[in-house]
Amino acid sequence: MACNLKNVLSSGAQCTESPAGLSNHVFVVPFDAEHIKKIGIHDGANEYYILPAGTGKALKGFRIDFKSQTGQVTSEPNPSGSGWAHTGTGRVEMNEDEMAYVSRSLHNSDKYLYFFPTGKTTSRGAEYKVVGNQFGEAEWSVSADSGVARSDDHGQTFTVTCGFQVYPVMKWFGTIVQEANPSSSNFLDNHGDDIVFVDGGGPQVGGDSTSSN
């Protein structure tokens, strides 16, 4: 039962070095049948159990590298009996264009899980702190800053939030491998909804932006 209590002691097998901070990347795992076959909450530990899709034991996810020592996972309590809200952050200074591209997709959907490696390795695999729940409820937002002076910090700071998780710290242990990038041939066009200006009239949505009259 999740309501059982246990002693929390500062000595014994768990008394080892535990530095703060996270590694310098996050894995984004789509919340769909192609990546996750089964997910649930461990009632005896603050962990998710996740069965990856396919025949392998590793999850597949999209990796986002962020600047060292800018990553953080925090949580705040919801009202009593309502779990915790988790937040993960980091700042991407290199490869800002790819970050902007990816952020559009992540910002338009909440069906992803976010895995932040702590840098620790166990017999069960790497240790990850997870933002996201078993319902796929996680929201991604990004703010961008060019900086003022040439030496200023700059880039895009992402924030991913999940309003309901049952433990104040949620972990997963295992292996995540990088997912292949989708082929550009998967997309019908690369223009989106074009705005075309017509002679004698106002702007109209649609049409081929590369054509001319």
C-alpha atoms as a PDB file:
ATOM      1  CA  MET A   1       0.000   0.000   0.000  1.00  0.00           C
ATOM      2  CA  ALA A   2       1.185   3.504  -0.784  1.00  0.00           C
ATOM      3  CA  CYS A   3       0.017   4.723   2.633  1.00  0.00           C
ATOM      4  CA  ASN A   4       2.423   2.553   4.620  1.00  0.00           C
ATOM      5  CA  LEU A   5       5.175   4.338   6.546  1.00  0.00           C
ATOM      6  CA  LYS A   6       8.781   3.292   6.953  1.00  0.00           C
ATOM      7  CA  ASN A   7      11.780   4.619   8.826  1.00  0.00           C
ATOM      8  CA  VAL A   8      14.010   7.041   6.917  1.00  0.00           C
ATOM      9  CA  LEU A   9      17.532   6.662   8.272  1.00  0.00           C
ATOM     10  CA  SER A  10      20.707   8.558   7.399  1.00  0.00           C
ATOM     11  CA  SER A  11      23.005   5.596   7.934  1.00  0.00           C
ATOM     12  CA  GLY A  12      23.404   2.160   6.438  1.00  0.00           C
ATOM     13  CA  ALA A  13      23.516   0.955   2.845  1.00  0.00           C
ATOM     14  CA  GLN A  14      22.093   4.197   1.449  1.00  0.00           C
ATOM     15  CA  CYS A  15      24.688   6.401   3.133  1.00  0.00           C
ATOM     16  CA  THR A  16      26.925   7.167   0.157  1.00  0.00           C
ATOM     17  CA  GLU A  17      27.967  10.321  -1.675  1.00  0.00           C
ATOM     18  CA  SER A  18      25.019  12.085  -3.264  1.00  0.00           C
ATOM     19  CA  PRO A  19      26.075  15.291  -5.024  1.00  0.00           C
ATOM     20  CA  ALA A  20      23.454  17.748  -6.190  1.00  0.00           C
ATOM     21  CA  GLY A  21      22.641  18.572  -9.787  1.00  0.00           C
ATOM     22  CA  LEU A  22      21.922  16.655 -12.963  1.00  0.00           C
ATOM     23  CA  SER A  23      23.743  15.562 -16.077  1.00  0.00           C
ATOM     24  CA  ASN A  24      23.799  17.836 -19.124  1.00  0.00           C
ATOM     25  CA  HIS A  25      20.887  16.432 -21.163  1.00  0.00           C
ATOM     26  CA  VAL A  26      17.282  15.299 -21.071  1.00  0.00           C
ATOM     27  CA  PHE A  27      15.611  12.516 -23.010  1.00  0.00           C
ATOM     28  CA  VAL A  28      12.153  13.177 -24.447  1.00  0.00           C
ATOM     29  CA  VAL A  29      10.185   9.934 -24.821  1.00  0.00           C
ATOM     30  CA  PRO A  30       6.923  10.114 -26.800  1.00  0.00           C
ATOM     31  CA  PHE A  31       3.925   8.816 -24.892  1.00  0.00           C
ATOM     32  CA  ASP A  32       2.711   6.395 -27.545  1.00  0.00           C
ATOM     33  CA  ALA A  33       2.568   2.693 -28.381  1.00  0.00           C
ATOM     34  CA  GLU A  34       5.685   2.898 -30.565  1.00  0.00           C
ATOM     35  CA  HIS A  35       7.807   3.801 -27.535  1.00  0.00           C
ATOM     36  CA  ILE A  36       6.016   2.612 -24.389  1.00  0.00           C
ATOM     37  CA  LYS A  37       4.145  -0.660 -24.026  1.00  0.00           C
ATOM     38  CA  LYS A  38       3.216  -0.280 -20.352  1.00  0.00           C
ATOM     39  CA  ILE A  39       3.726   2.260 -17.575  1.00  0.00           C
ATOM     40  CA  GLY A  40       2.684   2.302 -13.930  1.00  0.00           C
ATOM     41  CA  ILE A  41       3.594   3.572 -10.471  1.00  0.00           C
ATOM     42  CA  HIS A  42       5.571   1.492  -8.003  1.00  0.00           C
ATOM     43  CA  ASP A  43       3.664   1.451  -4.692  1.00  0.00           C
ATOM     44  CA  GLY A  44       6.739   0.378  -2.748  1.00  0.00           C
ATOM     45  CA  ALA A  45       9.208   2.938  -4.099  1.00  0.00           C
ATOM     46  CA  ASN A  46       9.169   6.381  -5.713  1.00  0.00           C
ATOM     47  CA  GLU A  47       9.574   4.955  -9.194  1.00  0.00           C
ATOM     48  CA  TYR A  48       7.781   4.319 -12.451  1.00  0.00           C
ATOM     49  CA  TYR A  49       7.919   0.871 -13.940  1.00  0.00           C
ATOM     50  CA  ILE A  50       8.017   1.138 -17.701  1.00  0.00           C
ATOM     51  CA  LEU A  51       7.989  -1.620 -20.290  1.00  0.00           C
ATOM     52  CA  PRO A  52       9.503  -0.325 -23.540  1.00  0.00           C
ATOM     53  CA  ALA A  53       7.794  -1.095 -26.824  1.00  0.00           C
ATOM     54  CA  GLY A  54       9.378  -3.647 -29.110  1.00  0.00           C
ATOM     55  CA  THR A  55      11.698  -6.488 -28.201  1.00  0.00           C
ATOM     56  CA  GLY A  56      14.539  -4.540 -26.565  1.00  0.00           C
ATOM     57  CA  LYS A  57      14.881  -3.501 -22.941  1.00  0.00           C
ATOM     58  CA  ALA A  58      15.860   0.104 -23.714  1.00  0.00           C
ATOM     59  CA  LEU A  59      13.544   3.043 -24.156  1.00  0.00           C
ATOM     60  CA  LYS A  60      14.002   5.228 -27.220  1.00  0.00           C
ATOM     61  CA  GLY A  61      13.987   8.985 -26.790  1.00  0.00           C
ATOM     62  CA  PHE A  62      15.059  12.244 -28.382  1.00  0.00           C
ATOM     63  CA  ARG A  63      18.060  13.789 -26.647  1.00  0.00           C
ATOM     64  CA  ILE A  64      18.333  17.500 -25.868  1.00  0.00           C
ATOM     65  CA  ASP A  65      21.715  18.694 -24.601  1.00  0.00           C
ATOM     66  CA  PHE A  66      21.721  21.699 -22.273  1.00  0.00           C
ATOM     67  CA  LYS A  67      24.482  23.743 -20.681  1.00  0.00           C
ATOM     68  CA  SER A  68      26.191  22.035 -17.766  1.00  0.00           C
ATOM     69  CA  GLN A  69      24.863  23.029 -14.343  1.00  0.00           C
ATOM     70  CA  THR A  70      21.715  24.682 -15.726  1.00  0.00           C
ATOM     71  CA  GLY A  71      19.482  21.613 -15.384  1.00  0.00           C
ATOM     72  CA  GLN A  72      17.206  21.199 -12.389  1.00  0.00           C
ATOM     73  CA  VAL A  73      14.164  19.174 -11.306  1.00  0.00           C
ATOM     74  CA  THR A  74      11.988  20.507  -8.493  1.00  0.00           C
ATOM     75  CA  SER A  75       8.582  19.748  -7.023  1.00  0.00           C
ATOM     76  CA  GLU A  76       5.927  21.572  -5.033  1.00  0.00           C
ATOM     77  CA  PRO A  77       3.071  20.003  -3.053  1.00  0.00           C
ATOM     78  CA  ASN A  78      -0.493  20.143  -4.298  1.00  0.00           C
ATOM     79  CA  PRO A  79      -3.289  20.252  -1.700  1.00  0.00           C
ATOM     80  CA  SER A  80      -3.305  17.316   0.716  1.00  0.00           C
ATOM     81  CA  GLY A  81      -4.003  14.046  -1.050  1.00  0.00           C
ATOM     82  CA  SER A  82      -3.348  15.527  -4.520  1.00  0.00           C
ATOM     83  CA  GLY A  83       0.284  14.627  -5.081  1.00  0.00           C
ATOM     84  CA  TRP A  84       2.995  16.998  -6.286  1.00  0.00           C
ATOM     85  CA  ALA A  85       3.666  19.248  -9.263  1.00  0.00           C
ATOM     86  CA  HIS A  86       7.088  18.650 -10.850  1.00  0.00           C
ATOM     87  CA  THR A  87       9.166  21.061 -12.922  1.00  0.00           C
ATOM     88  CA  GLY A  88      12.284  20.425 -14.992  1.00  0.00           C
ATOM     89  CA  THR A  89      14.446  23.194 -16.481  1.00  0.00           C
ATOM     90  CA  GLY A  90      17.613  23.676 -18.507  1.00  0.00           C
ATOM     91  CA  ARG A  91      19.213  26.163 -20.909  1.00  0.00           C
ATOM     92  CA  VAL A  92      20.301  25.375 -24.452  1.00  0.00           C
ATOM     93  CA  GLU A  93      23.028  27.692 -25.758  1.00  0.00           C
ATOM     94  CA  MET A  94      24.374  25.581 -28.602  1.00  0.00           C
ATOM     95  CA  ASN A  95      22.253  24.596 -31.595  1.00  0.00           C
ATOM     96  CA  GLU A  96      19.483  27.091 -30.929  1.00  0.00           C
ATOM     97  CA  ASP A  97      17.839  26.564 -34.317  1.00  0.00           C
ATOM     98  CA  GLU A  98      17.260  22.859 -33.725  1.00  0.00           C
ATOM     99  CA  MET A  99      15.980  23.701 -30.246  1.00  0.00           C
ATOM    100  CA  ALA A 100      13.467  26.168 -31.660  1.00  0.00           C
ATOM    101  CA  TYR A 101      12.314  23.571 -34.198  1.00  0.00           C
ATOM    102  CA  VAL A 102      11.819  20.858 -31.580  1.00  0.00           C
ATOM    103  CA  SER A 103      10.146  23.217 -29.110  1.00  0.00           C
ATOM    104  CA  ARG A 104       7.320  23.922 -31.546  1.00  0.00           C
ATOM    105  CA  SER A 105       6.318  20.261 -31.531  1.00  0.00           C
ATOM    106  CA  LEU A 106       6.784  19.816 -27.776  1.00  0.00           C
ATOM    107  CA  HIS A 107       4.864  23.004 -26.973  1.00  0.00           C
ATOM    108  CA  ASN A 108       1.915  21.826 -29.076  1.00  0.00           C
ATOM    109  CA  SER A 109       1.453  18.507 -27.262  1.00  0.00           C
ATOM    110  CA  ASP A 110       1.537  17.143 -23.723  1.00  0.00           C
ATOM    111  CA  LYS A 111       2.087  13.517 -24.710  1.00  0.00           C
ATOM    112  CA  TYR A 112       5.736  13.130 -23.712  1.00  0.00           C
ATOM    113  CA  LEU A 113       7.763  11.957 -20.730  1.00  0.00           C
ATOM    114  CA  TYR A 114      10.980  13.768 -19.770  1.00  0.00           C
ATOM    115  CA  PHE A 115      13.924  11.867 -18.285  1.00  0.00           C
ATOM    116  CA  PHE A 116      16.751  13.798 -16.585  1.00  0.00           C
ATOM    117  CA  PRO A 117      19.791  11.592 -15.796  1.00  0.00           C
ATOM    118  CA  THR A 118      21.336  12.198 -12.396  1.00  0.00           C
ATOM    119  CA  GLY A 119      24.704  10.842 -13.472  1.00  0.00           C
ATOM    120  CA  LYS A 120      24.432   7.807 -11.201  1.00  0.00           C
ATOM    121  CA  THR A 121      24.581   4.246 -12.497  1.00  0.00           C
ATOM    122  CA  THR A 122      23.079   1.273 -10.701  1.00  0.00           C
ATOM    123  CA  SER A 123      22.757  -2.456 -11.341  1.00  0.00           C
ATOM    124  CA  ARG A 124      19.387  -1.699 -12.971  1.00  0.00           C
ATOM    125  CA  GLY A 125      20.817   0.938 -15.295  1.00  0.00           C
ATOM    126  CA  ALA A 126      21.153   4.701 -15.196  1.00  0.00           C
ATOM    127  CA  GLU A 127      19.140   6.695 -12.674  1.00  0.00           C
ATOM    128  CA  TYR A 128      16.707   9.246 -14.100  1.00  0.00           C
ATOM    129  CA  LYS A 129      14.433  11.811 -12.520  1.00  0.00           C
ATOM    130  CA  VAL A 130      11.164  11.868 -14.441  1.00  0.00           C
ATOM    131  CA  VAL A 131       8.842  14.775 -15.189  1.00  0.00           C
ATOM    132  CA  GLY A 132       5.550  13.474 -16.529  1.00  0.00           C
ATOM    133  CA  ASN A 133       2.997  10.957 -15.332  1.00  0.00           C
ATOM    134  CA  GLN A 134       1.286   7.748 -16.422  1.00  0.00           C
ATOM    135  CA  PHE A 135      -1.392   9.769 -18.216  1.00  0.00           C
ATOM    136  CA  GLY A 136       1.076  11.648 -20.433  1.00  0.00           C
ATOM    137  CA  GLU A 137       0.435  15.035 -18.835  1.00  0.00           C
ATOM    138  CA  ALA A 138       3.523  17.213 -19.223  1.00  0.00           C
ATOM    139  CA  GLU A 139       3.691  20.723 -20.670  1.00  0.00           C
ATOM    140  CA  TRP A 140       6.731  22.211 -22.424  1.00  0.00           C
ATOM    141  CA  SER A 141       7.512  25.918 -22.668  1.00  0.00           C
ATOM    142  CA  VAL A 142      10.588  27.861 -23.786  1.00  0.00           C
ATOM    143  CA  SER A 143      11.799  31.438 -23.343  1.00  0.00           C
ATOM    144  CA  ALA A 144      14.588  32.838 -25.499  1.00  0.00           C
ATOM    145  CA  ASP A 145      17.178  35.510 -24.679  1.00  0.00           C
ATOM    146  CA  SER A 146      19.838  36.849 -27.041  1.00  0.00           C
ATOM    147  CA  GLY A 147      21.809  38.456 -24.214  1.00  0.00           C
ATOM    148  CA  VAL A 148      23.130  42.023 -24.346  1.00  0.00           C
ATOM    149  CA  ALA A 149      26.915  41.875 -24.045  1.00  0.00           C
ATOM    150  CA  ARG A 150      28.869  39.373 -26.120  1.00  0.00           C
ATOM    151  CA  SER A 151      29.847  37.530 -22.952  1.00  0.00           C
ATOM    152  CA  ASP A 152      26.298  37.250 -21.576  1.00  0.00           C
ATOM    153  CA  ASP A 153      24.492  34.021 -20.990  1.00  0.00           C
ATOM    154  CA  HIS A 154      22.064  33.486 -23.818  1.00  0.00           C
ATOM    155  CA  GLY A 155      19.980  30.827 -25.502  1.00  0.00           C
ATOM    156  CA  GLN A 156      16.669  29.153 -24.820  1.00  0.00           C
ATOM    157  CA  THR A 157      15.570  28.144 -21.344  1.00  0.00           C
ATOM    158  CA  PHE A 158      13.035  25.331 -21.330  1.00  0.00           C
ATOM    159  CA  THR A 159      10.562  24.515 -18.590  1.00  0.00           C
ATOM    160  CA  VAL A 160       8.597  21.281 -18.517  1.00  0.00           C
ATOM    161  CA  THR A 161       5.883  20.871 -15.891  1.00  0.00           C
ATOM    162  CA  CYS A 162       3.623  18.060 -14.750  1.00  0.00           C
ATOM    163  CA  GLY A 163       0.832  19.027 -12.386  1.00  0.00           C
ATOM    164  CA  PHE A 164       0.304  15.584 -10.847  1.00  0.00           C
ATOM    165  CA  GLN A 165       2.876  13.050  -9.716  1.00  0.00           C
ATOM    166  CA  VAL A 166       2.398  10.849  -6.682  1.00  0.00           C
ATOM    167  CA  TYR A 167       5.873  11.244  -5.139  1.00  0.00           C
ATOM    168  CA  PRO A 168       7.875  14.444  -4.542  1.00  0.00           C
ATOM    169  CA  VAL A 169      10.802  12.764  -6.320  1.00  0.00           C
ATOM    170  CA  MET A 170       9.976  10.380  -9.173  1.00  0.00           C
ATOM    171  CA  LYS A 171      12.637   8.120 -10.685  1.00  0.00           C
ATOM    172  CA  TRP A 172      13.159   5.471 -13.320  1.00  0.00           C
ATOM    173  CA  PHE A 173      16.123   3.114 -13.714  1.00  0.00           C
ATOM    174  CA  GLY A 174      17.152   1.702 -17.048  1.00  0.00           C
ATOM    175  CA  THR A 175      18.630   2.484 -20.448  1.00  0.00           C
ATOM    176  CA  ILE A 176      17.518   5.095 -22.965  1.00  0.00           C
ATOM    177  CA  VAL A 177      18.969   5.190 -26.472  1.00  0.00           C
ATOM    178  CA  GLN A 178      18.702   8.010 -28.971  1.00  0.00           C
ATOM    179  CA  GLU A 179      15.776   7.817 -31.357  1.00  0.00           C
ATOM    180  CA  ALA A 180      16.567   8.370 -35.035  1.00  0.00           C
ATOM    181  CA  ASN A 181      15.547  11.725 -36.443  1.00  0.00           C
ATOM    182  CA  PRO A 182      12.424  11.606 -38.610  1.00  0.00           C
ATOM    183  CA  SER A 183      12.943  11.834 -42.344  1.00  0.00           C
ATOM    184  CA  SER A 184      11.939  15.103 -43.993  1.00  0.00           C
ATOM    185  CA  SER A 185       9.947  12.985 -46.451  1.00  0.00           C
ATOM    186  CA  ASN A 186       7.430  12.382 -43.671  1.00  0.00           C
ATOM    187  CA  PHE A 187       6.152  15.917 -44.128  1.00  0.00           C
ATOM    188  CA  LEU A 188       3.936  17.021 -47.000  1.00  0.00           C
ATOM    189  CA  ASP A 189       5.443  20.504 -47.230  1.00  0.00           C
ATOM    190  CA  ASN A 190       7.754  22.847 -45.396  1.00  0.00           C
ATOM    191  CA  HIS A 191       5.750  26.061 -45.671  1.00  0.00           C
ATOM    192  CA  GLY A 192       2.924  25.685 -43.163  1.00  0.00           C
ATOM    193  CA  ASP A 193      -0.059  27.958 -43.760  1.00  0.00           C
ATOM    194  CA  ASP A 194       1.257  30.502 -46.238  1.00  0.00           C
ATOM    195  CA  ILE A 195      -0.084  34.015 -46.449  1.00  0.00           C
ATOM    196  CA  VAL A 196      -0.313  35.060 -50.081  1.00  0.00           C
ATOM    197  CA  PHE A 197      -0.792  38.685 -51.125  1.00  0.00           C
ATOM    198  CA  VAL A 198      -3.039  38.975 -54.169  1.00  0.00           C
ATOM    199  CA  ASP A 199      -2.988  41.987 -56.518  1.00  0.00           C
ATOM    200  CA  GLY A 200      -5.945  44.202 -55.791  1.00  0.00           C
ATOM    201  CA  GLY A 201      -6.883  42.402 -52.610  1.00  0.00           C
ATOM    202  CA  GLY A 202      -5.749  41.626 -49.094  1.00  0.00           C
ATOM    203  CA  PRO A 203      -3.728  38.701 -47.770  1.00  0.00           C
ATOM    204  CA  GLN A 204      -5.193  35.228 -48.206  1.00  0.00           C
ATOM    205  CA  VAL A 205      -4.303  32.000 -46.440  1.00  0.00           C
ATOM    206  CA  GLY A 206      -3.036  29.161 -48.628  1.00  0.00           C
ATOM    207  CA  GLY A 207      -1.409  28.800 -51.986  1.00  0.00           C
ATOM    208  CA  ASP A 208       2.133  28.051 -53.032  1.00  0.00           C
ATOM    209  CA  SER A 209       4.506  30.691 -51.710  1.00  0.00           C
ATOM    210  CA  THR A 210       7.028  29.790 -54.399  1.00  0.00           C
ATOM    211  CA  SER A 211       4.725  30.481 -57.336  1.00  0.00           C
ATOM    212  CA  SER A 212       4.507  33.792 -59.156  1.00  0.00           C
ATOM    213  CA  ASN A 213       1.873  35.371 -61.410  1.00  0.00           C
END
